[in-house]
Structures are given as C-alpha cells and as structure tokens.
PDB file of N, CA and C in Angstrom:
ATOM      1  N   MET A   1      22.317  34.057  31.851  1.00  0.00           N
ATOM      2  CA  MET A   1      23.497  34.128  31.007  1.00  0.00           C
ATOM      3  C   MET A   1      23.377  33.140  29.836  1.00  0.00           C
ATOM      4  N   LEU A   2      22.965  31.930  30.151  1.00  0.00           N
ATOM      5  CA  LEU A   2      22.821  30.928  29.103  1.00  0.00           C
ATOM      6  C   LEU A   2      21.751  31.349  28.097  1.00  0.00           C
ATOM      7  N   ASP A   3      20.644  31.874  28.620  1.00  0.00           N
ATOM      8  CA  ASP A   3      19.576  32.333  27.720  1.00  0.00           C
ATOM      9  C   ASP A   3      20.054  33.459  26.813  1.00  0.00           C
ATOM     10  N   ASN A   4      20.870  34.357  27.353  1.00  0.00           N
ATOM     11  CA  ASN A   4      21.413  35.453  26.549  1.00  0.00           C
ATOM     12  C   ASN A   4      22.307  34.919  25.432  1.00  0.00           C
ATOM     13  N   LYS A   5      23.118  33.921  25.749  1.00  0.00           N
ATOM     14  CA  LYS A   5      24.005  33.324  24.747  1.00  0.00           C
ATOM     15  C   LYS A   5      23.187  32.635  23.652  1.00  0.00           C
ATOM     16  N   ARG A   6      22.125  31.948  24.059  1.00  0.00           N
ATOM     17  CA  ARG A   6      21.275  31.282  23.073  1.00  0.00           C
ATOM     18  C   ARG A   6      20.576  32.303  22.185  1.00  0.00           C
ATOM     19  N   TYR A   7      20.156  33.418  22.774  1.00  0.00           N
ATOM     20  CA  TYR A   7      19.534  34.494  22.006  1.00  0.00           C
ATOM     21  C   TYR A   7      20.537  35.069  21.006  1.00  0.00           C
ATOM     22  N   ASP A   8      21.772  35.298  21.470  1.00  0.00           N
ATOM     23  CA  ASP A   8      22.833  35.790  20.585  1.00  0.00           C
ATOM     24  C   ASP A   8      23.090  34.810  19.444  1.00  0.00           C
ATOM     25  N   LEU A   9      23.104  33.519  19.762  1.00  0.00           N
ATOM     26  CA  LEU A   9      23.334  32.504  18.744  1.00  0.00           C
ATOM     27  C   LEU A   9      22.229  32.534  17.698  1.00  0.00           C
ATOM     28  N   HIS A  10      21.000  32.654  18.144  1.00  0.00           N
ATOM     29  CA  HIS A  10      19.881  32.713  17.207  1.00  0.00           C
ATOM     30  C   HIS A  10      20.039  33.917  16.269  1.00  0.00           C
ATOM     31  N   GLY A  11      20.414  35.056  16.816  1.00  0.00           N
ATOM     32  CA  GLY A  11      20.624  36.248  16.000  1.00  0.00           C
ATOM     33  C   GLY A  11      21.742  36.058  14.978  1.00  0.00           C
ATOM     34  N   LEU A  12      22.823  35.425  15.398  1.00  0.00           N
ATOM     35  CA  LEU A  12      23.929  35.162  14.474  1.00  0.00           C
ATOM     36  C   LEU A  12      23.513  34.196  13.373  1.00  0.00           C
ATOM     37  N   GLN A  13      22.727  33.189  13.734  1.00  0.00           N
ATOM     38  CA  GLN A  13      22.264  32.232  12.731  1.00  0.00           C
ATOM     39  C   GLN A  13      21.366  32.910  11.701  1.00  0.00           C
ATOM     40  N   LEU A  14      20.516  33.815  12.160  1.00  0.00           N
ATOM     41  CA  LEU A  14      19.668  34.560  11.222  1.00  0.00           C
ATOM     42  C   LEU A  14      20.520  35.449  10.313  1.00  0.00           C
ATOM     43  N   ALA A  15      21.516  36.097  10.892  1.00  0.00           N
ATOM     44  CA  ALA A  15      22.406  36.949  10.102  1.00  0.00           C
ATOM     45  C   ALA A  15      23.180  36.124   9.076  1.00  0.00           C
ATOM     46  N   TYR A  16      23.581  34.919   9.468  1.00  0.00           N
ATOM     47  CA  TYR A  16      24.319  34.022   8.578  1.00  0.00           C
ATOM     48  C   TYR A  16      23.450  33.626   7.382  1.00  0.00           C
ATOM     49  N   ARG A  17      22.203  33.243   7.663  1.00  0.00           N
ATOM     50  CA  ARG A  17      21.294  32.867   6.571  1.00  0.00           C
ATOM     51  C   ARG A  17      21.042  34.040   5.635  1.00  0.00           C
ATOM     52  N   LYS A  18      20.851  35.207   6.218  1.00  0.00           N
ATOM     53  CA  LYS A  18      20.614  36.402   5.411  1.00  0.00           C
ATOM     54  C   LYS A  18      21.852  36.728   4.560  1.00  0.00           C
ATOM     55  N   ALA A  19      23.027  36.563   5.144  1.00  0.00           N
ATOM     56  CA  ALA A  19      24.266  36.819   4.415  1.00  0.00           C
ATOM     57  C   ALA A  19      24.418  35.863   3.237  1.00  0.00           C
ATOM     58  N   LEU A  20      24.051  34.607   3.440  1.00  0.00           N
ATOM     59  CA  LEU A  20      24.123  33.628   2.348  1.00  0.00           C
ATOM     60  C   LEU A  20      23.176  33.997   1.210  1.00  0.00           C
ATOM     61  N   GLU A  21      21.995  34.471   1.571  1.00  0.00           N
ATOM     62  CA  GLU A  21      20.985  34.803   0.567  1.00  0.00           C
ATOM     63  C   GLU A  21      21.262  36.111  -0.153  1.00  0.00           C
ATOM     64  N   SER A  22      21.972  37.020   0.492  1.00  0.00           N
ATOM     65  CA  SER A  22      22.136  38.355  -0.074  1.00  0.00           C
ATOM     66  C   SER A  22      23.439  38.567  -0.830  1.00  0.00           C
ATOM     67  N   GLY A  23      24.243  37.540  -0.930  1.00  0.00           N
ATOM     68  CA  GLY A  23      25.483  37.686  -1.689  1.00  0.00           C
ATOM     69  C   GLY A  23      26.593  38.393  -0.928  1.00  0.00           C
ATOM     70  N   THR A  24      26.591  38.275   0.384  1.00  0.00           N
ATOM     71  CA  THR A  24      27.652  38.849   1.208  1.00  0.00           C
ATOM     72  C   THR A  24      28.977  38.181   0.861  1.00  0.00           C
ATOM     73  N   SER A  25      30.063  38.906   1.064  1.00  0.00           N
ATOM     74  CA  SER A  25      31.380  38.373   0.712  1.00  0.00           C
ATOM     75  C   SER A  25      31.673  37.089   1.484  1.00  0.00           C
ATOM     76  N   GLN A  26      32.448  36.230   0.871  1.00  0.00           N
ATOM     77  CA  GLN A  26      32.820  34.948   1.481  1.00  0.00           C
ATOM     78  C   GLN A  26      33.549  35.170   2.799  1.00  0.00           C
ATOM     79  N   GLU A  27      34.376  36.189   2.861  1.00  0.00           N
ATOM     80  CA  GLU A  27      35.130  36.490   4.082  1.00  0.00           C
ATOM     81  C   GLU A  27      34.180  36.836   5.233  1.00  0.00           C
ATOM     82  N   ASP A  28      33.162  37.638   4.962  1.00  0.00           N
ATOM     83  CA  ASP A  28      32.195  37.997   5.997  1.00  0.00           C
ATOM     84  C   ASP A  28      31.372  36.786   6.427  1.00  0.00           C
ATOM     85  N   ILE A  29      31.015  35.949   5.483  1.00  0.00           N
ATOM     86  CA  ILE A  29      30.264  34.721   5.800  1.00  0.00           C
ATOM     87  C   ILE A  29      31.110  33.803   6.679  1.00  0.00           C
ATOM     88  N   GLU A  30      32.377  33.664   6.346  1.00  0.00           N
ATOM     89  CA  GLU A  30      33.267  32.816   7.142  1.00  0.00           C
ATOM     90  C   GLU A  30      33.444  33.373   8.543  1.00  0.00           C
ATOM     91  N   GLN A  31      33.501  34.700   8.671  1.00  0.00           N
ATOM     92  CA  GLN A  31      33.624  35.323   9.985  1.00  0.00           C
ATOM     93  C   GLN A  31      32.377  35.035  10.826  1.00  0.00           C
ATOM     94  N   LEU A  32      31.207  35.169  10.225  1.00  0.00           N
ATOM     95  CA  LEU A  32      29.969  34.834  10.931  1.00  0.00           C
ATOM     96  C   LEU A  32      29.964  33.369  11.354  1.00  0.00           C
ATOM     97  N   HIS A  33      30.413  32.496  10.471  1.00  0.00           N
ATOM     98  CA  HIS A  33      30.462  31.063  10.782  1.00  0.00           C
ATOM     99  C   HIS A  33      31.380  30.793  11.967  1.00  0.00           C
ATOM    100  N   ARG A  34      32.534  31.441  11.988  1.00  0.00           N
ATOM    101  CA  ARG A  34      33.465  31.265  13.115  1.00  0.00           C
ATOM    102  C   ARG A  34      32.846  31.765  14.418  1.00  0.00           C
ATOM    103  N   ARG A  35      32.139  32.880  14.355  1.00  0.00           N
ATOM    104  CA  ARG A  35      31.485  33.414  15.548  1.00  0.00           C
ATOM    105  C   ARG A  35      30.398  32.462  16.046  1.00  0.00           C
ATOM    106  N   ILE A  36      29.670  31.850  15.133  1.00  0.00           N
ATOM    107  CA  ILE A  36      28.629  30.886  15.509  1.00  0.00           C
ATOM    108  C   ILE A  36      29.255  29.683  16.200  1.00  0.00           C
ATOM    109  N   ILE A  37      30.312  29.151  15.628  1.00  0.00           N
ATOM    110  CA  ILE A  37      30.992  27.994  16.220  1.00  0.00           C
ATOM    111  C   ILE A  37      31.525  28.345  17.612  1.00  0.00           C
ATOM    112  N   SER A  38      32.135  29.500  17.737  1.00  0.00           N
ATOM    113  CA  SER A  38      32.675  29.936  19.023  1.00  0.00           C
ATOM    114  C   SER A  38      31.572  30.075  20.071  1.00  0.00           C
ATOM    115  N   LEU A  39      30.462  30.666  19.679  1.00  0.00           N
ATOM    116  CA  LEU A  39      29.352  30.845  20.606  1.00  0.00           C
ATOM    117  C   LEU A  39      28.731  29.503  20.994  1.00  0.00           C
ATOM    118  N   LYS A  40      28.647  28.576  20.060  1.00  0.00           N
ATOM    119  CA  LYS A  40      28.141  27.234  20.382  1.00  0.00           C
ATOM    120  C   LYS A  40      29.048  26.554  21.403  1.00  0.00           C
ATOM    121  N   GLU A  41      30.352  26.730  21.264  1.00  0.00           N
ATOM    122  CA  GLU A  41      31.293  26.145  22.219  1.00  0.00           C
ATOM    123  C   GLU A  41      31.122  26.775  23.599  1.00  0.00           C
ATOM    124  N   GLU A  42      30.907  28.096  23.643  1.00  0.00           N
ATOM    125  CA  GLU A  42      30.663  28.764  24.919  1.00  0.00           C
ATOM    126  C   GLU A  42      29.396  28.226  25.574  1.00  0.00           C
ATOM    127  N   ILE A  43      28.351  28.072  24.791  1.00  0.00           N
ATOM    128  CA  ILE A  43      27.081  27.555  25.317  1.00  0.00           C
ATOM    129  C   ILE A  43      27.269  26.143  25.860  1.00  0.00           C
ATOM    130  N   ASN A  44      27.962  25.302  25.117  1.00  0.00           N
ATOM    131  CA  ASN A  44      28.207  23.931  25.584  1.00  0.00           C
ATOM    132  C   ASN A  44      29.005  23.919  26.881  1.00  0.00           C
ATOM    133  N   SER A  45      29.969  24.824  27.013  1.00  0.00           N
ATOM    134  CA  SER A  45      30.748  24.917  28.250  1.00  0.00           C
ATOM    135  C   SER A  45      29.861  25.330  29.415  1.00  0.00           C
ATOM    136  N   LEU A  46      28.966  26.278  29.170  1.00  0.00           N
ATOM    137  CA  LEU A  46      28.052  26.710  30.224  1.00  0.00           C
ATOM    138  C   LEU A  46      27.118  25.580  30.639  1.00  0.00           C
ATOM    139  N   ILE A  47      26.656  24.804  29.686  1.00  0.00           N
ATOM    140  CA  ILE A  47      25.758  23.692  29.994  1.00  0.00           C
ATOM    141  C   ILE A  47      26.468  22.671  30.865  1.00  0.00           C
ATOM    142  N   VAL A  48      27.720  22.383  30.582  1.00  0.00           N
ATOM    143  CA  VAL A  48      28.481  21.436  31.397  1.00  0.00           C
ATOM    144  C   VAL A  48      28.616  21.971  32.815  1.00  0.00           C
ATOM    145  N   VAL A  49      28.904  23.253  32.966  1.00  0.00           N
ATOM    146  CA  VAL A  49      29.062  23.843  34.291  1.00  0.00           C
ATOM    147  C   VAL A  49      27.742  23.803  35.053  1.00  0.00           C
ATOM    148  N   ILE A  50      26.637  24.067  34.366  1.00  0.00           N
ATOM    149  CA  ILE A  50      25.334  24.055  35.023  1.00  0.00           C
ATOM    150  C   ILE A  50      24.946  22.627  35.414  1.00  0.00           C
ATOM    151  N   ASP A  51      25.140  21.676  34.515  1.00  0.00           N
ATOM    152  CA  ASP A  51      24.765  20.292  34.789  1.00  0.00           C
ATOM    153  C   ASP A  51      25.700  19.604  35.781  1.00  0.00           C
ATOM    154  N   PHE A  52      26.974  19.946  35.732  1.00  0.00           N
ATOM    155  CA  PHE A  52      27.984  19.291  36.560  1.00  0.00           C
ATOM    156  C   PHE A  52      28.872  20.345  37.218  1.00  0.00           C
ATOM    157  N   PRO A  53      28.360  21.074  38.198  1.00  0.00           N
ATOM    158  CA  PRO A  53      29.123  22.183  38.769  1.00  0.00           C
ATOM    159  C   PRO A  53      30.443  21.768  39.423  1.00  0.00           C
ATOM    160  N   GLY A  54      30.596  20.525  39.851  1.00  0.00           N
ATOM    161  CA  GLY A  54      31.844  20.089  40.469  1.00  0.00           C
ATOM    162  C   GLY A  54      32.865  19.572  39.473  1.00  0.00           C
ATOM    163  N   LEU A  55      32.504  19.560  38.190  1.00  0.00           N
ATOM    164  CA  LEU A  55      33.383  19.012  37.160  1.00  0.00           C
ATOM    165  C   LEU A  55      34.352  20.082  36.679  1.00  0.00           C
ATOM    166  N   ASN A  56      35.640  19.731  36.691  1.00  0.00           N
ATOM    167  CA  ASN A  56      36.580  20.622  36.033  1.00  0.00           C
ATOM    168  C   ASN A  56      37.116  19.905  34.804  1.00  0.00           C
ATOM    169  N   ARG A  57      38.080  20.459  34.143  1.00  0.00           N
ATOM    170  CA  ARG A  57      38.516  19.914  32.858  1.00  0.00           C
ATOM    171  C   ARG A  57      39.207  18.560  32.972  1.00  0.00           C
ATOM    172  N   THR A  58      39.752  18.201  34.116  1.00  0.00           N
ATOM    173  CA  THR A  58      40.503  16.952  34.211  1.00  0.00           C
ATOM    174  C   THR A  58      39.823  15.876  35.024  1.00  0.00           C
ATOM    175  N   HIS A  59      39.034  16.266  36.030  1.00  0.00           N
ATOM    176  CA  HIS A  59      38.393  15.272  36.883  1.00  0.00           C
ATOM    177  C   HIS A  59      37.354  15.948  37.754  1.00  0.00           C
ATOM    178  N   PHE A  60      36.598  15.145  38.496  1.00  0.00           N
ATOM    179  CA  PHE A  60      35.652  15.712  39.442  1.00  0.00           C
ATOM    180  C   PHE A  60      36.406  16.275  40.639  1.00  0.00           C
ATOM    181  N   SER A  61      35.956  17.412  41.130  1.00  0.00           N
ATOM    182  CA  SER A  61      36.607  17.984  42.296  1.00  0.00           C
ATOM    183  C   SER A  61      36.170  17.244  43.542  1.00  0.00           C
ATOM    184  N   ASP A  62      36.825  17.510  44.640  1.00  0.00           N
ATOM    185  CA  ASP A  62      36.517  16.851  45.900  1.00  0.00           C
ATOM    186  C   ASP A  62      35.381  17.543  46.649  1.00  0.00           C
ATOM    187  N   ASN A  63      34.846  18.615  46.111  1.00  0.00           N
ATOM    188  CA  ASN A  63      33.800  19.378  46.801  1.00  0.00           C
ATOM    189  C   ASN A  63      32.506  18.639  46.843  1.00  0.00           C
TER     190      ASN A  63
END
C-alpha cells in the first residue's frame, strides 16, 4: 500500500512538472499541488502507523 502511494506521488510530481512547463492553467496546477500535498500527508500517516503500530493520535495504546 505504501509503495503504491509513493508510486502515485511520483506520477503526480511528474504531471505537476509537465503542467508547469506546458502552460497549463493556474487552477489545474493548484489542483495538482493540492493532490500532491494530500498524498504526502497520507504517506506520512502510513509511515507513522508502520513504524509505531500502537500509536494513536493522542497517546500510546495499552496494547
């Protein structure tokens, strides 16, 4: 799952660079940027879960 998200992120980053170079509308570029940020946040959340499976948002669980 994490690898798939990283692959998706790489594809979005390539699309973003291509959009910047090709004169794509500012609105479309901003949408791509928001999607990249959102996907990076998802990846970071997955990394925390993988590294610290007992960690929840407020404290360590008792498990």
